[in-house]
Amino acid sequence: MSIIKEDDAVGCYMALTLVDDTKVEGTIFTYNPKEGIIVLLCLRDDQTNMKLIRTPYIKEFSISHAEEGSHLPPALDSFNELPSMHAGRGKSIFKHASTQLKNAESNREKHFNSVSADTSIATLDAYLKLLRLYPFIEWNNEEGVIQVSDTVIVVGDPDWRTPKAMLVEGAPEKDKPLVDRLQVALGSGKK
């Protein structure tokens, strides 16, 4: 695709085949070789749709001058570009997403390092359910409980198919609302 200049391609008709043999046709709305993106305007059922195509996934393509009825809408400047694919401060969206993914993987690894192989699936279900809402909780493998805070734990009552949030002995009553919220989050609370 680098043989085409971005200014020359805008407004031309393009027919292409993707690597998965999907065929796409339309008028080129914008082409950004630095980002490897082409946006096509496609007319279907009297509606104009936009298709965002990543150039590395194009197997074959042909470009011709736009035919009558396939031109860009008259109100658009033919040399308009899409906004840059950056997430502010010159940071690439791909790099940003990769960083977020690595952070999520390290968080997941941190939370599941303490889980042993003999931990039941029902226990992990309860742990995951609460972990999504309360990322600060931890699994206490020694005691076999989910440690929410120093004063609040979640136990299997009588087993982990019916988990129950509770205060530890000597805990202040001010933590009771947290216990109630945890019980609602576990799906067995009455609210």
Protein backbone atom coordinates (compact mmCIF):
# COMPACT_ATOMS: atom_id res chain seq x y z
CA MET A 1 0.00 0.00 0.00
CA SER A 2 2.98 2.33 0.33
CA ILE A 3 3.02 2.93 -3.45
CA ILE A 4 -0.03 5.17 -3.07
CA LYS A 5 0.29 8.68 -1.73
CA GLU A 6 -2.35 9.51 0.81
CA ASP A 7 -3.54 12.60 -1.09
CA ASP A 8 -3.84 10.71 -4.37
CA ALA A 9 -5.91 7.87 -2.92
CA VAL A 10 -8.69 9.92 -1.33
CA GLY A 11 -11.84 9.86 -3.44
CA CYS A 12 -10.84 6.82 -5.53
CA TYR A 13 -12.86 3.63 -5.70
CA MET A 14 -11.20 0.61 -4.10
CA ALA A 15 -12.02 -3.09 -4.23
CA LEU A 16 -9.99 -5.26 -1.89
CA THR A 17 -9.72 -8.76 -0.52
CA LEU A 18 -8.61 -9.30 3.05
CA VAL A 19 -6.44 -12.18 4.23
CA ASP A 20 -9.56 -14.05 5.39
CA ASP A 21 -10.98 -13.72 1.81
CA THR A 22 -13.56 -11.10 2.82
CA LYS A 23 -14.28 -8.74 -0.07
CA VAL A 24 -14.78 -5.03 0.62
CA GLU A 25 -15.52 -2.21 -1.84
CA GLY A 26 -15.92 1.50 -1.37
CA THR A 27 -14.64 5.01 -1.90
CA ILE A 28 -11.46 5.89 -0.03
CA PHE A 29 -12.32 8.46 2.61
CA THR A 30 -8.84 8.67 4.09
CA TYR A 31 -5.57 6.80 3.95
CA ASN A 32 -2.83 7.12 6.54
CA PRO A 33 0.25 5.08 5.60
CA LYS A 34 2.05 5.89 8.88
CA GLU A 35 -0.73 4.25 10.88
CA GLY A 36 -1.47 1.63 8.20
CA ILE A 37 -5.16 2.54 8.00
CA ILE A 38 -7.61 3.03 5.15
CA VAL A 39 -11.17 4.19 5.72
CA LEU A 40 -13.66 3.29 3.01
CA LEU A 41 -17.10 4.80 2.52
CA CYS A 42 -19.40 1.96 1.50
CA LEU A 43 -22.93 2.47 0.20
CA ARG A 44 -25.33 -0.27 1.29
CA ASP A 45 -29.13 -0.11 1.30
CA ASP A 46 -29.12 3.66 0.73
CA GLN A 47 -26.92 4.17 3.79
CA THR A 48 -23.29 5.18 3.86
CA ASN A 49 -21.16 3.04 6.15
CA MET A 50 -17.50 3.43 7.02
CA LYS A 51 -15.09 0.51 7.10
CA LEU A 52 -11.77 0.91 8.89
CA ILE A 53 -9.21 -1.40 7.25
CA ARG A 54 -5.73 -2.16 8.56
CA THR A 55 -3.41 -2.33 5.53
CA PRO A 56 -1.36 -5.34 6.76
CA TYR A 57 -4.54 -7.45 6.45
CA ILE A 58 -5.08 -6.65 2.75
CA LYS A 59 -4.29 -9.56 0.45
CA GLU A 60 -5.28 -7.99 -2.91
CA PHE A 61 -6.58 -4.61 -3.98
CA SER A 62 -7.47 -2.61 -7.04
CA ILE A 63 -7.98 1.14 -7.25
CA SER A 64 -9.81 3.06 -9.95
CA HIS A 65 -11.16 6.56 -10.32
CA ALA A 66 -14.45 6.96 -8.54
CA GLU A 67 -17.47 6.07 -10.60
CA GLU A 68 -20.60 8.20 -10.68
CA GLY A 69 -22.45 7.78 -7.40
CA SER A 70 -19.37 6.48 -5.60
CA HIS A 71 -17.82 9.90 -4.96
CA LEU A 72 -17.32 11.36 -1.55
CA PRO A 73 -20.27 13.33 -0.25
CA PRO A 74 -19.99 16.93 -1.48
CA ALA A 75 -19.78 18.46 2.02
CA LEU A 76 -16.54 16.62 2.83
CA ASP A 77 -13.11 17.93 2.02
CA SER A 78 -11.46 15.14 0.05
CA PHE A 79 -8.18 15.57 1.93
CA ASN A 80 -9.57 15.23 5.43
CA GLU A 81 -7.70 12.81 7.66
CA LEU A 82 -8.83 10.81 10.59
CA PRO A 83 -7.53 11.99 13.92
CA SER A 84 -4.25 10.38 14.85
CA MET A 85 -4.37 6.96 16.46
CA HIS A 86 -2.70 8.32 19.58
CA ALA A 87 -4.05 8.52 23.11
CA GLY A 88 -2.77 11.99 23.93
CA ARG A 89 0.74 13.19 24.66
CA GLY A 90 2.09 11.32 21.66
CA LYS A 91 1.31 7.90 23.14
CA SER A 92 0.18 5.26 20.67
CA ILE A 93 -3.19 3.63 21.36
CA PHE A 94 -1.58 0.24 20.68
CA LYS A 95 1.16 0.93 23.24
CA HIS A 96 -1.42 2.23 25.70
CA ALA A 97 -3.56 -0.91 25.26
CA SER A 98 -0.48 -3.13 25.58
CA THR A 99 0.51 -1.39 28.81
CA GLN A 100 -3.01 -1.77 30.20
CA LEU A 101 -2.98 -5.47 29.28
CA LYS A 102 0.39 -6.01 30.99
CA ASN A 103 -0.88 -4.22 34.10
CA ALA A 104 -4.00 -6.40 34.15
CA GLU A 105 -1.91 -9.55 33.71
CA SER A 106 0.42 -8.58 36.57
CA ASN A 107 -2.58 -7.79 38.80
CA ARG A 108 -4.17 -11.13 37.96
CA GLU A 109 -0.87 -12.91 38.63
CA LYS A 110 -0.51 -11.08 41.96
CA HIS A 111 -4.02 -12.10 43.05
CA PHE A 112 -3.77 -15.71 41.93
CA ASN A 113 -0.24 -16.52 43.15
CA SER A 114 -1.65 -17.41 46.56
CA VAL A 115 -4.33 -19.72 45.11
CA SER A 116 -3.34 -23.39 45.26
CA ALA A 117 -4.25 -26.15 42.81
CA ASP A 118 -6.72 -27.73 45.25
CA THR A 119 -8.80 -24.55 45.58
CA SER A 120 -12.33 -25.30 44.42
CA ILE A 121 -13.89 -23.69 41.35
CA ALA A 122 -16.76 -22.32 43.46
CA THR A 123 -14.18 -20.56 45.64
CA LEU A 124 -12.53 -19.01 42.60
CA ASP A 125 -15.93 -17.91 41.26
CA ALA A 126 -16.69 -16.07 44.49
CA TYR A 127 -13.17 -14.62 44.57
CA LEU A 128 -13.40 -13.36 40.96
CA LYS A 129 -16.85 -11.91 41.53
CA LEU A 130 -15.58 -9.84 44.45
CA LEU A 131 -12.22 -9.06 42.87
CA ARG A 132 -13.91 -7.20 40.01
CA LEU A 133 -15.63 -4.90 42.49
CA TYR A 134 -13.01 -4.78 45.23
CA PRO A 135 -9.51 -5.06 43.69
CA PHE A 136 -7.82 -4.77 47.10
CA ILE A 137 -9.06 -8.14 48.41
CA GLU A 138 -6.77 -11.15 48.79
CA TRP A 139 -7.11 -14.90 49.05
CA ASN A 140 -5.80 -16.20 52.38
CA ASN A 141 -4.70 -19.73 51.53
CA GLU A 142 -3.70 -20.63 55.11
CA GLU A 143 -7.17 -19.97 56.51
CA GLY A 144 -9.09 -20.69 53.30
CA VAL A 145 -10.95 -17.36 53.30
CA ILE A 146 -11.17 -14.26 51.16
CA GLN A 147 -9.58 -11.46 53.16
CA VAL A 148 -11.41 -8.20 52.43
CA SER A 149 -9.88 -6.25 55.30
CA ASP A 150 -8.50 -6.92 58.77
CA THR A 151 -12.05 -7.05 60.09
CA VAL A 152 -14.07 -8.50 57.17
CA ILE A 153 -13.70 -11.93 55.57
CA VAL A 154 -15.70 -14.12 53.19
CA VAL A 155 -16.08 -17.81 54.02
CA GLY A 156 -17.83 -20.78 52.46
CA ASP A 157 -20.95 -21.44 54.53
CA PRO A 158 -21.24 -24.47 54.62
CA ASP A 159 -19.21 -24.66 51.40
CA TRP A 160 -18.14 -22.19 48.70
CA ARG A 161 -21.30 -22.63 46.65
CA THR A 162 -22.90 -20.38 49.26
CA PRO A 163 -20.21 -17.86 50.30
CA LYS A 164 -20.93 -15.61 53.25
CA ALA A 165 -19.35 -12.29 54.19
CA MET A 166 -18.83 -11.81 57.91
CA LEU A 167 -17.05 -9.73 60.52
CA VAL A 168 -14.16 -11.30 62.43
CA GLU A 169 -14.46 -11.56 66.20
CA GLY A 170 -14.09 -8.23 67.92
CA ALA A 171 -14.64 -6.20 64.73
CA PRO A 172 -16.45 -2.87 65.09
CA GLU A 173 -20.05 -2.66 63.88
CA LYS A 174 -19.12 0.20 61.53
CA ASP A 175 -17.90 -2.45 59.04
CA LYS A 176 -21.36 -4.06 58.88
CA PRO A 177 -22.41 -2.05 55.77
CA LEU A 178 -19.38 -3.45 53.90
CA VAL A 179 -20.45 -6.97 54.86
CA ASP A 180 -23.94 -6.25 53.51
CA ARG A 181 -22.54 -4.89 50.22
CA LEU A 182 -20.30 -7.94 49.84
CA GLN A 183 -23.24 -10.24 50.43
CA VAL A 184 -25.26 -8.43 47.75
CA ALA A 185 -22.29 -8.65 45.37
CA LEU A 186 -22.07 -12.38 45.98
CA GLY A 187 -25.69 -12.63 44.89
CA SER A 188 -27.17 -13.98 48.08
CA GLY A 189 -27.99 -10.73 49.84
CA LYS A 190 -31.42 -9.29 50.36
CA LYS A 191 -31.59 -5.77 48.92
